[in-house]
C-alpha atoms as a PDB file:
ATOM      1  CA  UNK A   1      17.357 -60.296 -93.479  1.00  0.00           C
ATOM      2  CA  UNK A   2      15.912 -58.026 -95.880  1.00  0.00           C
ATOM      3  CA  UNK A   3      12.450 -57.923 -94.528  1.00  0.00           C
ATOM      4  CA  UNK A   4      14.216 -56.766 -90.919  1.00  0.00           C
ATOM      5  CA  UNK A   5      16.379 -54.163 -92.739  1.00  0.00           C
ATOM      6  CA  UNK A   6      13.072 -52.434 -94.289  1.00  0.00           C
ATOM      7  CA  UNK A   7      11.550 -53.034 -91.025  1.00  0.00           C
ATOM      8  CA  UNK A   8      14.251 -50.605 -89.341  1.00  0.00           C
ATOM      9  CA  UNK A   9      13.783 -48.215 -92.458  1.00  0.00           C
ATOM     10  CA  UNK A  10      10.200 -48.000 -91.840  1.00  0.00           C
ATOM     11  CA  UNK A  11      10.362 -47.499 -88.291  1.00  0.00           C
ATOM     12  CA  UNK A  12      13.371 -44.919 -88.291  1.00  0.00           C
ATOM     13  CA  UNK A  13      12.572 -42.649 -91.269  1.00  0.00           C
ATOM     14  CA  UNK A  14       8.184 -42.814 -91.004  1.00  0.00           C
ATOM     15  CA  UNK A  15       8.627 -39.202 -90.602  1.00  0.00           C
ATOM     16  CA  UNK A  16       7.279 -36.676 -93.110  1.00  0.00           C
ATOM     17  CA  UNK A  17       8.085 -32.706 -94.083  1.00  0.00           C
ATOM     18  CA  UNK A  18       5.655 -30.673 -92.243  1.00  0.00           C
ATOM     19  CA  UNK A  19       3.481 -28.766 -94.712  1.00  0.00           C
ATOM     20  CA  UNK A  20       0.473 -28.517 -96.266  1.00  0.00           C
ATOM     21  CA  UNK A  21      -1.631 -31.103 -96.713  1.00  0.00           C
ATOM     22  CA  UNK A  22      -3.174 -32.104-100.205  1.00  0.00           C
ATOM     23  CA  UNK A  23      -6.377 -34.128-100.164  1.00  0.00           C
ATOM     24  CA  UNK A  24      -8.913 -35.004-103.078  1.00  0.00           C
ATOM     25  CA  UNK A  25     -11.670 -35.300-101.231  1.00  0.00           C
ATOM     26  CA  UNK A  26     -12.748 -33.395 -97.388  1.00  0.00           C
ATOM     27  CA  UNK A  27     -10.412 -31.265 -95.717  1.00  0.00           C
ATOM     28  CA  UNK A  28      -7.574 -31.857 -93.096  1.00  0.00           C
ATOM     29  CA  UNK A  29      -7.067 -30.121 -90.058  1.00  0.00           C
ATOM     30  CA  UNK A  30      -3.505 -29.738 -88.533  1.00  0.00           C
ATOM     31  CA  UNK A  31      -3.213 -30.031 -85.058  1.00  0.00           C
ATOM     32  CA  UNK A  32       0.355 -28.649 -84.359  1.00  0.00           C
ATOM     33  CA  UNK A  33       2.393 -30.151 -81.677  1.00  0.00           C
ATOM     34  CA  UNK A  34      -0.591 -31.471 -79.731  1.00  0.00           C
ATOM     35  CA  UNK A  35       0.647 -31.749 -75.808  1.00  0.00           C
ATOM     36  CA  UNK A  36       0.813 -34.469 -73.748  1.00  0.00           C
ATOM     37  CA  UNK A  37       1.673 -34.786 -69.942  1.00  0.00           C
ATOM     38  CA  UNK A  38       2.431 -38.834 -70.945  1.00  0.00           C
ATOM     39  CA  UNK A  39       4.296 -38.484 -74.203  1.00  0.00           C
ATOM     40  CA  UNK A  40       5.878 -36.440 -76.679  1.00  0.00           C
ATOM     41  CA  UNK A  41       3.809 -33.600 -78.512  1.00  0.00           C
ATOM     42  CA  UNK A  42       3.732 -34.275 -81.768  1.00  0.00           C
ATOM     43  CA  UNK A  43       1.073 -33.435 -85.174  1.00  0.00           C
ATOM     44  CA  UNK A  44      -2.233 -34.651 -84.982  1.00  0.00           C
ATOM     45  CA  UNK A  45      -4.244 -34.128 -88.760  1.00  0.00           C
ATOM     46  CA  UNK A  46      -8.106 -34.799 -88.545  1.00  0.00           C
ATOM     47  CA  UNK A  47      -9.409 -35.676 -92.270  1.00  0.00           C
ATOM     48  CA  UNK A  48     -13.053 -33.997 -92.207  1.00  0.00           C
ATOM     49  CA  UNK A  49     -15.472 -35.615 -95.060  1.00  0.00           C
ATOM     50  CA  UNK A  50     -16.605 -32.758 -97.963  1.00  0.00           C
ATOM     51  CA  UNK A  51     -20.343 -32.574 -96.170  1.00  0.00           C
ATOM     52  CA  UNK A  52     -18.609 -32.158 -92.445  1.00  0.00           C
ATOM     53  CA  UNK A  53     -21.354 -30.112 -90.623  1.00  0.00           C
ATOM     54  CA  UNK A  54     -22.094 -29.632 -86.887  1.00  0.00           C
ATOM     55  CA  UNK A  55     -25.247 -30.640 -87.050  1.00  0.00           C
ATOM     56  CA  UNK A  56     -24.583 -33.878 -87.989  1.00  0.00           C
ATOM     57  CA  UNK A  57     -22.731 -36.699 -85.658  1.00  0.00           C
ATOM     58  CA  UNK A  58     -19.510 -38.487 -86.908  1.00  0.00           C
ATOM     59  CA  UNK A  59     -18.213 -42.041 -85.703  1.00  0.00           C
ATOM     60  CA  UNK A  60     -14.512 -41.415 -85.500  1.00  0.00           C
ATOM     61  CA  UNK A  61     -11.547 -43.499 -86.705  1.00  0.00           C
ATOM     62  CA  UNK A  62      -8.287 -42.624 -85.020  1.00  0.00           C
ATOM     63  CA  UNK A  63      -5.132 -44.076 -87.217  1.00  0.00           C
ATOM     64  CA  UNK A  64      -1.367 -44.287 -86.137  1.00  0.00           C
ATOM     65  CA  UNK A  65       1.634 -43.083 -88.469  1.00  0.00           C
ATOM     66  CA  UNK A  66      -1.051 -39.991 -88.827  1.00  0.00           C
ATOM     67  CA  UNK A  67       2.027 -38.304 -91.338  1.00  0.00           C
ATOM     68  CA  UNK A  68       1.535 -41.485 -93.683  1.00  0.00           C
ATOM     69  CA  UNK A  69      -2.287 -40.880 -94.668  1.00  0.00           C
ATOM     70  CA  UNK A  70      -3.122 -38.514 -96.709  1.00  0.00           C
ATOM     71  CA  UNK A  71      -0.650 -36.850 -98.900  1.00  0.00           C
ATOM     72  CA  UNK A  72       2.319 -38.856-100.492  1.00  0.00           C
ATOM     73  CA  UNK A  73       4.593 -35.900-101.877  1.00  0.00           C
ATOM     74  CA  UNK A  74       5.089 -35.257 -98.042  1.00  0.00           C
ATOM     75  CA  UNK A  75       6.133 -38.691 -96.884  1.00  0.00           C
ATOM     76  CA  UNK A  76       9.677 -40.713 -96.751  1.00  0.00           C
ATOM     77  CA  UNK A  77       8.902 -43.154 -99.194  1.00  0.00           C
ATOM     78  CA  UNK A  78       6.769 -40.550-101.207  1.00  0.00           C
ATOM     79  CA  UNK A  79       3.546 -43.032-100.535  1.00  0.00           C
ATOM     80  CA  UNK A  80       0.224 -42.365 -98.740  1.00  0.00           C
ATOM     81  CA  UNK A  81      -2.693 -44.599 -97.170  1.00  0.00           C
ATOM     82  CA  UNK A  82      -5.048 -42.706 -99.627  1.00  0.00           C
ATOM     83  CA  UNK A  83      -7.187 -42.159 -97.035  1.00  0.00           C
ATOM     84  CA  UNK A  84      -9.326 -39.132 -98.171  1.00  0.00           C
ATOM     85  CA  UNK A  85      -9.912 -41.208-101.471  1.00  0.00           C
ATOM     86  CA  UNK A  86     -11.105 -44.001 -99.945  1.00  0.00           C
ATOM     87  CA  UNK A  87     -13.259 -42.834 -97.159  1.00  0.00           C
ATOM     88  CA  UNK A  88     -14.565 -40.386 -99.399  1.00  0.00           C
ATOM     89  CA  UNK A  89     -15.743 -42.783-102.180  1.00  0.00           C
ATOM     90  CA  UNK A  90     -17.547 -45.105 -99.510  1.00  0.00           C
ATOM     91  CA  UNK A  91     -19.264 -42.389 -98.048  1.00  0.00           C
ATOM     92  CA  UNK A  92     -20.440 -41.321-101.423  1.00  0.00           C
ATOM     93  CA  UNK A  93     -21.705 -44.857-102.032  1.00  0.00           C
ATOM     94  CA  UNK A  94     -23.039 -44.723 -98.493  1.00  0.00           C
ATOM     95  CA  UNK A  95     -21.430 -47.917 -97.754  1.00  0.00           C
ATOM     96  CA  UNK A  96     -20.083 -47.119 -94.387  1.00  0.00           C
ATOM     97  CA  UNK A  97     -21.233 -44.471 -91.076  1.00  0.00           C
ATOM     98  CA  UNK A  98     -20.637 -40.993 -91.565  1.00  0.00           C
ATOM     99  CA  UNK A  99     -17.326 -40.561 -89.852  1.00  0.00           C
ATOM    100  CA  UNK A 100     -13.999 -38.421 -89.445  1.00  0.00           C
ATOM    101  CA  UNK A 101     -10.297 -39.721 -89.181  1.00  0.00           C
ATOM    102  CA  UNK A 102      -8.002 -38.543 -86.534  1.00  0.00           C
ATOM    103  CA  UNK A 103      -4.137 -39.305 -88.379  1.00  0.00           C
ATOM    104  CA  UNK A 104      -1.883 -39.299 -84.933  1.00  0.00           C
ATOM    105  CA  UNK A 105       1.528 -38.878 -86.233  1.00  0.00           C
ATOM    106  CA  UNK A 106       4.380 -41.046 -84.873  1.00  0.00           C
ATOM    107  CA  UNK A 107       7.309 -39.554 -83.303  1.00  0.00           C
ATOM    108  CA  UNK A 108      10.199 -41.099 -85.001  1.00  0.00           C
ATOM    109  CA  UNK A 109      12.718 -42.014 -82.818  1.00  0.00           C
ATOM    110  CA  UNK A 110      10.175 -44.099 -80.295  1.00  0.00           C
ATOM    111  CA  UNK A 111       7.919 -45.042 -82.733  1.00  0.00           C
ATOM    112  CA  UNK A 112       8.779 -48.960 -81.333  1.00  0.00           C
ATOM    113  CA  UNK A 113       8.443 -48.069 -77.656  1.00  0.00           C
ATOM    114  CA  UNK A 114       4.720 -46.007 -78.297  1.00  0.00           C
ATOM    115  CA  UNK A 115       3.558 -49.275 -80.587  1.00  0.00           C
ATOM    116  CA  UNK A 116       4.994 -52.124 -78.606  1.00  0.00           C
ATOM    117  CA  UNK A 117       2.266 -53.766 -76.679  1.00  0.00           C
ATOM    118  CA  UNK A 118       3.705 -53.311 -73.174  1.00  0.00           C
ATOM    119  CA  UNK A 119       2.012 -55.910 -70.904  1.00  0.00           C
ATOM    120  CA  UNK A 120       2.894 -58.626 -73.717  1.00  0.00           C
ATOM    121  CA  UNK A 121       6.653 -57.887 -72.099  1.00  0.00           C
ATOM    122  CA  UNK A 122       6.034 -59.971 -68.702  1.00  0.00           C
ATOM    123  CA  UNK A 123       5.285 -63.241 -70.733  1.00  0.00           C
ATOM    124  CA  UNK A 124       9.124 -62.778 -71.568  1.00  0.00           C
ATOM    125  CA  UNK A 125      12.295 -64.425 -69.558  1.00  0.00           C
ATOM    126  CA  UNK A 126      13.959 -61.505 -67.720  1.00  0.00           C
ATOM    127  CA  UNK A 127      17.054 -61.812 -70.237  1.00  0.00           C
ATOM    128  CA  UNK A 128      14.771 -61.313 -73.331  1.00  0.00           C
ATOM    129  CA  UNK A 129      12.928 -58.512 -71.713  1.00  0.00           C
ATOM    130  CA  UNK A 130      15.542 -56.536 -70.997  1.00  0.00           C
ATOM    131  CA  UNK A 131      17.172 -56.837 -74.074  1.00  0.00           C
ATOM    132  CA  UNK A 132      13.753 -55.501 -75.820  1.00  0.00           C
ATOM    133  CA  UNK A 133      13.220 -52.786 -73.329  1.00  0.00           C
ATOM    134  CA  UNK A 134      17.153 -51.565 -73.801  1.00  0.00           C
ATOM    135  CA  UNK A 135      17.938 -52.205 -77.538  1.00  0.00           C
ATOM    136  CA  UNK A 136      14.304 -52.106 -79.207  1.00  0.00           C
ATOM    137  CA  UNK A 137      12.461 -49.798 -76.763  1.00  0.00           C
ATOM    138  CA  UNK A 138      15.357 -47.399 -76.192  1.00  0.00           C
ATOM    139  CA  UNK A 139      14.948 -47.872 -72.574  1.00  0.00           C
ATOM    140  CA  UNK A 140      11.592 -47.161 -71.642  1.00  0.00           C
ATOM    141  CA  UNK A 141       8.124 -49.238 -72.934  1.00  0.00           C
ATOM    142  CA  UNK A 142       5.621 -46.233 -73.855  1.00  0.00           C
ATOM    143  CA  UNK A 143       2.571 -48.211 -74.974  1.00  0.00           C
ATOM    144  CA  UNK A 144       0.535 -47.477 -72.039  1.00  0.00           C
ATOM    145  CA  UNK A 145       1.511 -43.896 -71.872  1.00  0.00           C
ATOM    146  CA  UNK A 146       0.505 -43.690 -75.471  1.00  0.00           C
ATOM    147  CA  UNK A 147      -2.706 -44.926 -75.230  1.00  0.00           C
ATOM    148  CA  UNK A 148      -3.290 -43.147 -71.687  1.00  0.00           C
ATOM    149  CA  UNK A 149      -2.704 -39.648 -74.425  1.00  0.00           C
ATOM    150  CA  UNK A 150      -5.448 -40.618 -76.777  1.00  0.00           C
ATOM    151  CA  UNK A 151      -7.866 -41.806 -74.716  1.00  0.00           C
ATOM    152  CA  UNK A 152      -7.790 -39.127 -72.199  1.00  0.00           C
ATOM    153  CA  UNK A 153      -6.491 -36.200 -73.567  1.00  0.00           C
ATOM    154  CA  UNK A 154      -6.923 -36.424 -77.545  1.00  0.00           C
ATOM    155  CA  UNK A 155     -10.079 -38.084 -77.762  1.00  0.00           C
ATOM    156  CA  UNK A 156     -11.658 -35.472 -75.177  1.00  0.00           C
ATOM    157  CA  UNK A 157     -10.217 -32.854 -77.236  1.00  0.00           C
ATOM    158  CA  UNK A 158     -11.477 -34.220 -80.113  1.00  0.00           C
ATOM    159  CA  UNK A 159     -15.388 -35.024 -78.692  1.00  0.00           C
ATOM    160  CA  UNK A 160     -15.357 -31.134 -77.389  1.00  0.00           C
ATOM    161  CA  UNK A 161     -13.714 -29.291 -80.716  1.00  0.00           C
ATOM    162  CA  UNK A 162     -15.950 -32.032 -83.733  1.00  0.00           C
ATOM    163  CA  UNK A 163     -19.448 -33.043 -83.977  1.00  0.00           C
ATOM    164  CA  UNK A 164     -18.664 -36.679 -82.829  1.00  0.00           C
ATOM    165  CA  UNK A 165     -20.477 -39.653 -81.698  1.00  0.00           C
ATOM    166  CA  UNK A 166     -18.419 -40.518 -78.338  1.00  0.00           C
ATOM    167  CA  UNK A 167     -19.542 -44.018 -77.588  1.00  0.00           C
ATOM    168  CA  UNK A 168     -17.753 -47.257 -77.893  1.00  0.00           C
ATOM    169  CA  UNK A 169     -19.751 -48.413 -80.905  1.00  0.00           C
ATOM    170  CA  UNK A 170     -18.773 -45.167 -83.084  1.00  0.00           C
ATOM    171  CA  UNK A 171     -15.081 -45.143 -81.635  1.00  0.00           C
ATOM    172  CA  UNK A 172     -12.452 -47.123 -83.665  1.00  0.00           C
ATOM    173  CA  UNK A 173      -8.599 -47.599 -84.103  1.00  0.00           C
ATOM    174  CA  UNK A 174      -6.320 -48.703 -86.804  1.00  0.00           C
ATOM    175  CA  UNK A 175      -2.733 -48.918 -88.129  1.00  0.00           C
ATOM    176  CA  UNK A 176      -0.299 -51.356 -89.844  1.00  0.00           C
ATOM    177  CA  UNK A 177       3.093 -53.003 -88.994  1.00  0.00           C
ATOM    178  CA  UNK A 178       3.421 -51.908 -85.485  1.00  0.00           C
ATOM    179  CA  UNK A 179       0.438 -49.816 -85.637  1.00  0.00           C
ATOM    180  CA  UNK A 180      -1.191 -52.478 -86.420  1.00  0.00           C
ATOM    181  CA  UNK A 181      -0.103 -54.145 -82.699  1.00  0.00           C
ATOM    182  CA  UNK A 182      -1.196 -50.874 -80.615  1.00  0.00           C
ATOM    183  CA  UNK A 183      -4.270 -50.950 -82.464  1.00  0.00           C
ATOM    184  CA  UNK A 184      -5.087 -55.008 -81.473  1.00  0.00           C
ATOM    185  CA  UNK A 185      -3.460 -54.021 -77.997  1.00  0.00           C
ATOM    186  CA  UNK A 186      -5.690 -50.382 -77.554  1.00  0.00           C
ATOM    187  CA  UNK A 187      -9.151 -52.776 -78.303  1.00  0.00           C
ATOM    188  CA  UNK A 188      -7.822 -55.088 -75.440  1.00  0.00           C
ATOM    189  CA  UNK A 189      -6.843 -52.107 -72.542  1.00  0.00           C
ATOM    190  CA  UNK A 190      -9.958 -49.636 -73.358  1.00  0.00           C
ATOM    191  CA  UNK A 191     -12.938 -52.083 -74.581  1.00  0.00           C
ATOM    192  CA  UNK A 192     -15.024 -49.187 -73.173  1.00  0.00           C
ATOM    193  CA  UNK A 193     -13.830 -46.629 -75.607  1.00  0.00           C
ATOM    194  CA  UNK A 194     -13.037 -48.517 -78.507  1.00  0.00           C
ATOM    195  CA  UNK A 195     -15.400 -50.650 -80.734  1.00  0.00           C
ATOM    196  CA  UNK A 196     -13.698 -51.843 -83.276  1.00  0.00           C
ATOM    197  CA  UNK A 197      -9.739 -52.095 -84.029  1.00  0.00           C
ATOM    198  CA  UNK A 198      -8.051 -53.051 -86.858  1.00  0.00           C
ATOM    199  CA  UNK A 199      -4.618 -54.514 -87.416  1.00  0.00           C
ATOM    200  CA  UNK A 200      -3.538 -54.435 -90.919  1.00  0.00           C
ATOM    201  CA  UNK A 201      -0.399 -56.455 -91.628  1.00  0.00           C
ATOM    202  CA  UNK A 202       0.248 -56.560 -87.887  1.00  0.00           C
ATOM    203  CA  UNK A 203       3.571 -57.083 -87.076  1.00  0.00           C
ATOM    204  CA  UNK A 204       3.211 -60.323 -85.317  1.00  0.00           C
ATOM    205  CA  UNK A 205       7.232 -61.103 -84.827  1.00  0.00           C
ATOM    206  CA  UNK A 206       7.128 -57.815 -82.836  1.00  0.00           C
ATOM    207  CA  UNK A 207      10.811 -57.733 -83.175  1.00  0.00           C
ATOM    208  CA  UNK A 208      13.211 -59.021 -85.863  1.00  0.00           C
ATOM    209  CA  UNK A 209      16.880 -59.128 -84.934  1.00  0.00           C
ATOM    210  CA  UNK A 210      18.827 -62.186 -84.494  1.00  0.00           C
ATOM    211  CA  UNK A 211      20.615 -61.012 -81.512  1.00  0.00           C
ATOM    212  CA  UNK A 212      17.774 -60.904 -79.370  1.00  0.00           C
ATOM    213  CA  UNK A 213      18.043 -63.884 -76.713  1.00  0.00           C
ATOM    214  CA  UNK A 214      15.371 -66.479 -76.858  1.00  0.00           C
ATOM    215  CA  UNK A 215      13.913 -64.731 -80.405  1.00  0.00           C
ATOM    216  CA  UNK A 216      11.495 -67.708 -80.733  1.00  0.00           C
ATOM    217  CA  UNK A 217       9.633 -66.662 -77.502  1.00  0.00           C
ATOM    218  CA  UNK A 218       8.593 -63.477 -78.589  1.00  0.00           C
ATOM    219  CA  UNK A 219       5.684 -63.585 -81.358  1.00  0.00           C
ATOM    220  CA  UNK A 220       4.312 -66.228 -78.702  1.00  0.00           C
ATOM    221  CA  UNK A 221       4.223 -63.425 -75.834  1.00  0.00           C
ATOM    222  CA  UNK A 222       1.801 -61.365 -77.941  1.00  0.00           C
ATOM    223  CA  UNK A 223      -0.723 -64.407 -78.020  1.00  0.00           C
ATOM    224  CA  UNK A 224      -0.229 -64.830 -74.337  1.00  0.00           C
ATOM    225  CA  UNK A 225      -1.445 -61.335 -73.419  1.00  0.00           C
ATOM    226  CA  UNK A 226      -4.151 -61.907 -76.107  1.00  0.00           C
ATOM    227  CA  UNK A 227      -5.316 -64.983 -74.405  1.00  0.00           C
ATOM    228  CA  UNK A 228      -5.467 -63.056 -71.029  1.00  0.00           C
ATOM    229  CA  UNK A 229      -7.335 -59.860 -72.455  1.00  0.00           C
ATOM    230  CA  UNK A 230      -9.004 -60.170 -75.636  1.00  0.00           C
ATOM    231  CA  UNK A 231     -12.797 -58.572 -75.138  1.00  0.00           C
ATOM    232  CA  UNK A 232     -15.261 -61.336 -74.723  1.00  0.00           C
ATOM    233  CA  UNK A 233     -15.978 -63.000 -78.088  1.00  0.00           C
ATOM    234  CA  UNK A 234     -18.213 -60.882 -80.532  1.00  0.00           C
ATOM    235  CA  UNK A 235     -18.621 -57.873 -78.076  1.00  0.00           C
ATOM    236  CA  UNK A 236     -16.326 -55.597 -80.286  1.00  0.00           C
ATOM    237  CA  UNK A 237     -15.196 -55.595 -84.176  1.00  0.00           C
ATOM    238  CA  UNK A 238     -11.834 -56.771 -84.839  1.00  0.00           C
ATOM    239  CA  UNK A 239     -10.203 -57.398 -88.141  1.00  0.00           C
ATOM    240  CA  UNK A 240      -6.641 -58.529 -89.193  1.00  0.00           C
ATOM    241  CA  UNK A 241      -5.016 -58.792 -92.641  1.00  0.00           C
ATOM    242  CA  UNK A 242      -1.758 -60.047 -94.222  1.00  0.00           C
ATOM    243  CA  UNK A 243       0.284 -60.159 -97.054  1.00  0.00           C
ATOM    244  CA  UNK A 244       3.106 -62.465 -98.050  1.00  0.00           C
ATOM    245  CA  UNK A 245       5.836 -60.297 -99.495  1.00  0.00           C
ATOM    246  CA  UNK A 246       8.537 -58.672 -98.064  1.00  0.00           C
ATOM    247  CA  UNK A 247       8.262 -58.025 -94.334  1.00  0.00           C
ATOM    248  CA  UNK A 248       4.525 -59.431 -94.542  1.00  0.00           C
ATOM    249  CA  UNK A 249       6.207 -62.891 -95.343  1.00  0.00           C
ATOM    250  CA  UNK A 250       6.928 -63.459 -91.926  1.00  0.00           C
ATOM    251  CA  UNK A 251       3.050 -63.374 -91.036  1.00  0.00           C
ATOM    252  CA  UNK A 252       1.494 -65.798 -92.391  1.00  0.00           C
ATOM    253  CA  UNK A 253       2.103 -68.804 -89.855  1.00  0.00           C
ATOM    254  CA  UNK A 254       1.471 -66.016 -87.012  1.00  0.00           C
ATOM    255  CA  UNK A 255      -1.335 -64.955 -88.254  1.00  0.00           C
ATOM    256  CA  UNK A 256      -2.721 -68.630 -88.045  1.00  0.00           C
ATOM    257  CA  UNK A 257      -1.964 -68.897 -84.609  1.00  0.00           C
ATOM    258  CA  UNK A 258      -3.712 -65.647 -84.194  1.00  0.00           C
ATOM    259  CA  UNK A 259      -6.343 -66.901 -85.775  1.00  0.00           C
ATOM    260  CA  UNK A 260      -6.592 -70.247 -83.619  1.00  0.00           C
ATOM    261  CA  UNK A 261      -7.144 -68.316 -80.647  1.00  0.00           C
ATOM    262  CA  UNK A 262      -9.450 -66.282 -81.345  1.00  0.00           C
ATOM    263  CA  UNK A 263     -11.865 -69.039 -82.794  1.00  0.00           C
ATOM    264  CA  UNK A 264     -10.608 -70.892 -79.036  1.00  0.00           C
ATOM    265  CA  UNK A 265     -11.912 -67.302 -77.700  1.00  0.00           C
ATOM    266  CA  UNK A 266     -15.154 -67.999 -79.524  1.00  0.00           C
ATOM    267  CA  UNK A 267     -15.114 -65.022 -81.788  1.00  0.00           C
ATOM    268  CA  UNK A 268     -17.648 -65.585 -85.014  1.00  0.00           C
ATOM    269  CA  UNK A 269     -17.145 -64.036 -88.416  1.00  0.00           C
ATOM    270  CA  UNK A 270     -19.770 -61.831 -87.184  1.00  0.00           C
ATOM    271  CA  UNK A 271     -17.717 -59.446 -85.458  1.00  0.00           C
ATOM    272  CA  UNK A 272     -13.999 -60.628 -86.537  1.00  0.00           C
ATOM    273  CA  UNK A 273     -12.342 -61.368 -89.993  1.00  0.00           C
ATOM    274  CA  UNK A 274      -8.808 -61.763 -91.014  1.00  0.00           C
ATOM    275  CA  UNK A 275      -7.889 -61.570 -94.711  1.00  0.00           C
ATOM    276  CA  UNK A 276      -4.858 -62.431 -96.729  1.00  0.00           C
ATOM    277  CA  UNK A 277      -3.925 -60.942 -99.595  1.00  0.00           C
ATOM    278  CA  UNK A 278      -1.392 -62.935-101.731  1.00  0.00           C
ATOM    279  CA  UNK A 279       1.335 -61.112-103.439  1.00  0.00           C
ATOM    280  CA  UNK A 280       0.656 -57.959-101.461  1.00  0.00           C
ATOM    281  CA  UNK A 281       3.731 -56.443 -99.813  1.00  0.00           C
ATOM    282  CA  UNK A 282       4.580 -54.095 -96.364  1.00  0.00           C
ATOM    283  CA  UNK A 283       3.887 -50.775 -97.840  1.00  0.00           C
ATOM    284  CA  UNK A 284       1.199 -47.783 -97.974  1.00  0.00           C
ATOM    285  CA  UNK A 285       0.540 -48.694-101.435  1.00  0.00           C
ATOM    286  CA  UNK A 286      -0.159 -52.436-100.855  1.00  0.00           C
ATOM    287  CA  UNK A 287      -2.612 -51.045 -97.439  1.00  0.00           C
ATOM    288  CA  UNK A 288      -4.286 -48.133 -99.726  1.00  0.00           C
ATOM    289  CA  UNK A 289      -5.341 -50.807-102.153  1.00  0.00           C
ATOM    290  CA  UNK A 290      -7.238 -52.622 -99.692  1.00  0.00           C
ATOM    291  CA  UNK A 291      -8.116 -50.360 -97.296  1.00  0.00           C
ATOM    292  CA  UNK A 292     -11.595 -50.202 -98.249  1.00  0.00           C
ATOM    293  CA  UNK A 293     -11.884 -53.942 -96.749  1.00  0.00           C
ATOM    294  CA  UNK A 294     -11.189 -52.533 -92.930  1.00  0.00           C
ATOM    295  CA  UNK A 295     -12.941 -49.633 -93.115  1.00  0.00           C
ATOM    296  CA  UNK A 296     -16.385 -51.512 -94.427  1.00  0.00           C
ATOM    297  CA  UNK A 297     -15.995 -53.959 -92.075  1.00  0.00           C
ATOM    298  CA  UNK A 298     -15.391 -51.700 -88.856  1.00  0.00           C
ATOM    299  CA  UNK A 299     -17.858 -49.158 -89.901  1.00  0.00           C
ATOM    300  CA  UNK A 300     -20.681 -50.532 -92.160  1.00  0.00           C
ATOM    301  CA  UNK A 301     -24.010 -49.205 -91.971  1.00  0.00           C
END
């Protein structure tokens, strides 16, 4: 129950106060209220490294919960991912490709609706599906429209206005918790767009509530979706990780089943990894401590 309370708190209040973005490495350009015909307008923060130059080309990492990435002084829990510190350090050490990071803000009330892997609903009974849509997704699954926004509106804008490498080998997506779910869903739905995805503390229970009818059927629904929709083995890079404290305490047995599926589908250590961080909890502080791992895996030179 403590994990459930934590998750609900995270989902509802993961919205920061708008203002100056303070970073210790690089600069952040804010796109205010970026409009979309698919989803609600939201802010988008674009992090550029210290040596950003139109004369160079950069890989792009798209990240969810963008208001939590760079500046803990403005976030609801005073935590941050420390993206600028970690990416800046790895770039100086020449351990990763040149990159920019695009932080896409969540919209608060409909975060779950946008991040829940929509097509996995078809693997649930009608009763369970209707409960999740009505109670958890506020009546309207929006993940497919959210991905249309990312791939059909935001990416073209970023590629037009910044010096990017536009191909899938240089386009990545990452997030934590439900942001991990939508990242893995994105690479399944758009393998021609994304060359790699990171699910950090991926919320594999999908929903935590003792009121869900047949709750035991919910986690397998995402695995059933993956069974049918994972990209061809070793054709893309996929990173998972998890801890074992607070909400992450639910994840070890579920991640083990996903790992078994990955092996069954032919994925190898060449393009897929799952990493366990004993003693780590479900927080930006924990993710900041290990964010170098997905960065180096996805963007290694």
